[in-house]
Amino acid sequence: MSLDTTDSRESGDADIGPDPSAPPSDDSVRGAETPPPASNDASQNDADPDGASVVAVVEEKVRNYALLRRVLLLMWAVSIAVYFWFAGIAADRTSLIFFLAFGMAAATVGRRRVITIFIDWLPFVLILMLYDWTRNIAVWLDMPTHWHLAADVDHHLFGVNPTVWLQSHLKESSPPWWEVIVSVVYMSYFIVPYATAAALWVRDRAVCAGSRPASSR
């Protein structure tokens, strides 16, 4: 007994969908997994509209701080020059560190808080002040300064006082050029160490404090 299935096939072609038991084709898988590409208009709308303005404000603040630091450093340098011109170069530690503290504050405006100068430099200043105060211990203990001890030892070793002998043979009526250089080198001992420490602190506080190696900068 045979069944005629021609009519059923012809009439059911429009209603029959894909076979659920058949494996999915590659095109259907790619179409289901791959999202449609986003248009340029959508990506621009999704971007943060305030991002550019925030960056512009930050850059403007950085430029303003840089200009302010230059102005303050110029004022500080002029003030130091005027003071040294009328009062002479400050060789005592207290005045020198006081001047350097103002310079460090001017050079780090907008980069660090002013309190960091006191935190980092106050222990150093206290040690130097303690060293200066130890000079009075000899007075408190009634131990006078031995002014002639070193000169007597030199005279015993060389037969003359070397300092007096050199001055008598090298001293001229007017200071020669090399004496000016020697005097500047001698005076630099009271300024250069502190100025170098201040410059290193301004450049990198962590390296100057020893909390980070210089190679990591």
Protein backbone atom coordinates (compact mmCIF):
# COMPACT_ATOMS: atom_id res chain seq x y z
CA MET A 1 0.00 0.00 0.00
CA SER A 2 1.53 3.33 -1.08
CA LEU A 3 0.87 6.85 0.21
CA ASP A 4 0.90 9.88 -2.02
CA THR A 5 2.98 12.52 -0.26
CA THR A 6 3.44 14.90 -3.17
CA ASP A 7 0.60 17.21 -2.17
CA SER A 8 1.66 17.30 1.41
CA ARG A 9 5.21 18.25 0.48
CA GLU A 10 4.10 20.95 -1.94
CA SER A 11 1.61 22.44 0.46
CA GLY A 12 3.89 22.35 3.49
CA ASP A 13 7.06 23.90 2.02
CA ALA A 14 6.13 27.36 3.23
CA ASP A 15 5.32 26.28 6.77
CA ILE A 16 8.15 23.89 7.45
CA GLY A 17 11.13 25.59 9.27
CA PRO A 18 14.62 24.30 9.86
CA ASP A 19 14.99 20.84 11.26
CA PRO A 20 15.56 21.11 15.01
CA SER A 21 17.62 17.95 15.00
CA ALA A 22 20.08 19.29 12.40
CA PRO A 23 23.31 20.93 13.66
CA PRO A 24 23.45 24.73 13.42
CA SER A 25 25.27 26.20 10.47
CA ASP A 26 28.38 28.37 10.79
CA ASP A 27 26.54 31.44 9.53
CA SER A 28 23.86 31.15 12.20
CA VAL A 29 26.45 30.72 14.95
CA ARG A 30 28.46 33.72 13.83
CA GLY A 31 25.34 35.78 13.54
CA ALA A 32 24.24 34.89 17.08
CA GLU A 33 27.61 35.41 18.77
CA THR A 34 28.95 38.48 16.96
CA PRO A 35 27.27 41.73 18.01
CA PRO A 36 26.70 44.37 15.37
CA PRO A 37 29.50 46.91 15.11
CA ALA A 38 28.87 50.12 16.96
CA SER A 39 28.60 53.21 14.88
CA ASN A 40 30.85 56.21 15.34
CA ASP A 41 27.96 58.31 16.54
CA ALA A 42 27.14 55.82 19.30
CA SER A 43 30.76 55.64 20.50
CA GLN A 44 30.97 59.42 20.63
CA ASN A 45 27.76 59.62 22.61
CA ASP A 46 29.00 57.01 25.10
CA ALA A 47 32.24 58.97 25.78
CA ASP A 48 32.44 61.10 28.90
CA PRO A 49 31.57 64.65 27.81
CA ASP A 50 33.30 66.13 30.88
CA GLY A 51 36.64 64.28 30.44
CA ALA A 52 38.22 66.85 28.14
CA SER A 53 37.17 69.73 30.37
CA VAL A 54 38.65 68.05 33.46
CA VAL A 55 41.99 67.50 31.72
CA ALA A 56 42.02 71.11 30.56
CA VAL A 57 41.39 72.38 34.11
CA VAL A 58 44.19 70.20 35.52
CA GLU A 59 46.66 71.37 32.88
CA GLU A 60 45.73 74.99 33.56
CA LYS A 61 46.31 74.54 37.29
CA VAL A 62 49.71 72.97 36.61
CA ARG A 63 50.70 75.89 34.42
CA ASN A 64 49.49 78.37 37.04
CA TYR A 65 51.51 76.67 39.79
CA ALA A 66 54.61 76.61 37.61
CA LEU A 67 54.30 80.33 36.91
CA LEU A 68 53.68 81.05 40.60
CA ARG A 69 56.79 79.09 41.58
CA ARG A 70 58.92 81.08 39.14
CA VAL A 71 57.61 84.38 40.46
CA LEU A 72 58.15 83.39 44.10
CA LEU A 73 61.66 82.10 43.39
CA LEU A 74 62.54 85.34 41.62
CA MET A 75 61.27 87.37 44.57
CA TRP A 76 63.20 85.13 46.96
CA ALA A 77 66.44 85.48 44.97
CA VAL A 78 66.11 89.26 44.80
CA SER A 79 65.43 89.47 48.55
CA ILE A 80 68.48 87.31 49.34
CA ALA A 81 70.69 89.40 47.05
CA VAL A 82 69.52 92.66 48.65
CA TYR A 83 70.04 91.29 52.15
CA PHE A 84 73.55 90.01 51.34
CA TRP A 85 74.44 93.32 49.71
CA PHE A 86 73.59 95.36 52.80
CA ALA A 87 74.20 92.89 55.65
CA GLY A 88 76.81 90.57 54.15
CA ILE A 89 76.67 86.85 53.51
CA ALA A 90 74.95 84.93 56.28
CA ALA A 91 77.45 82.40 57.58
CA ASP A 92 75.59 81.34 60.73
CA ARG A 93 73.50 78.21 60.45
CA THR A 94 70.28 79.68 61.81
CA SER A 95 70.03 82.51 59.28
CA LEU A 96 71.17 80.34 56.39
CA ILE A 97 68.63 77.58 57.04
CA PHE A 98 65.95 80.22 57.56
CA PHE A 99 66.66 81.67 54.11
CA LEU A 100 66.79 78.21 52.52
CA ALA A 101 63.44 77.28 54.07
CA PHE A 102 61.77 80.18 52.28
CA GLY A 103 63.44 79.15 49.04
CA MET A 104 62.28 75.54 49.40
CA ALA A 105 58.74 76.69 50.14
CA ALA A 106 58.73 78.86 47.02
CA ALA A 107 60.13 76.06 44.84
CA THR A 108 57.54 73.51 45.94
CA VAL A 109 54.31 75.51 45.82
CA GLY A 110 51.61 73.27 44.42
CA ARG A 111 53.82 70.19 44.73
CA ARG A 112 54.17 69.67 48.49
CA ARG A 113 52.74 71.06 51.67
CA VAL A 114 54.77 73.63 53.56
CA ILE A 115 54.58 71.47 56.69
CA THR A 116 56.88 68.93 55.03
CA ILE A 117 59.74 71.43 55.34
CA PHE A 118 59.36 71.45 59.12
CA ILE A 119 58.91 67.67 59.29
CA ASP A 120 62.07 66.93 57.31
CA TRP A 121 64.36 69.76 58.40
CA LEU A 122 63.46 70.36 62.04
CA PRO A 123 65.40 67.30 63.36
CA PHE A 124 68.44 68.40 61.33
CA VAL A 125 68.22 71.95 62.69
CA LEU A 126 67.84 70.70 66.28
CA ILE A 127 70.99 68.58 65.94
CA LEU A 128 72.97 71.59 64.70
CA MET A 129 71.61 73.77 67.49
CA LEU A 130 72.55 71.10 70.03
CA TYR A 131 76.06 71.05 68.58
CA ASP A 132 76.33 74.82 68.97
CA TRP A 133 75.04 74.65 72.54
CA THR A 134 77.79 72.20 73.50
CA ARG A 135 80.27 75.07 73.28
CA ASN A 136 78.87 76.40 76.53
CA ILE A 137 79.61 73.13 78.34
CA ALA A 138 83.26 74.19 78.78
CA VAL A 139 82.09 77.42 80.41
CA TRP A 140 79.66 75.57 82.69
CA LEU A 141 82.44 73.17 83.73
CA ASP A 142 84.88 76.08 84.25
CA MET A 143 87.23 74.70 81.58
CA PRO A 144 88.78 77.65 79.69
CA THR A 145 89.66 77.47 76.01
CA HIS A 146 93.27 76.37 75.35
CA TRP A 147 94.27 79.14 73.01
CA HIS A 148 98.03 78.46 73.09
CA LEU A 149 98.10 74.66 73.11
CA ALA A 150 98.07 74.11 69.34
CA ALA A 151 100.46 77.02 68.67
CA ASP A 152 102.91 75.72 71.28
CA VAL A 153 102.85 72.23 69.75
CA ASP A 154 103.54 73.63 66.26
CA HIS A 155 106.43 75.73 67.56
CA HIS A 156 107.88 72.70 69.31
CA LEU A 157 107.70 70.57 66.14
CA PHE A 158 108.85 73.11 63.52
CA GLY A 159 110.78 75.66 65.55
CA VAL A 160 108.49 78.42 64.32
CA ASN A 161 104.78 78.98 64.11
CA PRO A 162 103.95 77.75 60.58
CA THR A 163 100.96 80.06 60.17
CA VAL A 164 102.92 83.17 61.12
CA TRP A 165 105.85 82.10 58.91
CA LEU A 166 103.62 81.58 55.86
CA GLN A 167 101.90 84.91 56.33
CA SER A 168 105.21 86.72 56.62
CA HIS A 169 106.47 85.19 53.34
CA LEU A 170 103.28 85.11 51.27
CA LYS A 171 101.27 88.07 52.48
CA GLU A 172 101.29 91.01 50.09
CA SER A 173 100.14 94.57 50.44
CA SER A 174 97.11 93.89 48.23
CA PRO A 175 95.27 90.58 47.96
CA PRO A 176 96.43 88.57 44.91
CA TRP A 177 93.93 86.85 42.60
CA TRP A 178 94.48 83.40 44.07
CA GLU A 179 93.75 84.66 47.59
CA VAL A 180 90.27 85.67 46.47
CA ILE A 181 89.65 82.15 45.16
CA VAL A 182 90.94 80.57 48.36
CA SER A 183 88.71 82.84 50.43
CA VAL A 184 85.65 81.92 48.35
CA VAL A 185 86.41 78.20 48.74
CA TYR A 186 86.77 78.67 52.49
CA MET A 187 83.48 80.55 52.78
CA SER A 188 81.69 77.93 50.67
CA TYR A 189 82.05 75.51 53.56
CA PHE A 190 79.37 77.45 55.45
CA ILE A 191 76.90 77.60 52.53
CA VAL A 192 77.38 74.85 49.94
CA PRO A 193 76.51 71.81 52.14
CA TYR A 194 73.19 73.28 53.23
CA ALA A 195 72.33 74.64 49.77
CA THR A 196 73.12 71.25 48.22
CA ALA A 197 70.87 69.47 50.73
CA ALA A 198 68.05 71.93 50.00
CA ALA A 199 68.39 71.45 46.23
CA LEU A 200 68.29 67.66 46.60
CA TRP A 201 65.23 67.91 48.83
CA VAL A 202 63.41 70.08 46.29
CA ARG A 203 64.30 67.70 43.46
CA ASP A 204 63.19 64.49 45.17
CA ARG A 205 62.11 64.39 48.78
CA ALA A 206 62.00 60.59 48.99
CA VAL A 207 65.57 60.14 47.72
CA CYS A 208 66.87 62.94 49.96
CA ALA A 209 65.24 61.30 52.99
CA GLY A 210 66.66 57.90 52.02
CA SER A 211 63.26 56.19 51.76
CA ARG A 212 63.72 55.36 48.09
CA PRO A 213 66.88 54.62 46.05
CA ALA A 214 67.85 57.15 43.43
CA SER A 215 67.75 54.52 40.66
CA SER A 216 63.98 54.10 41.07
CA ARG A 217 63.24 57.70 40.12
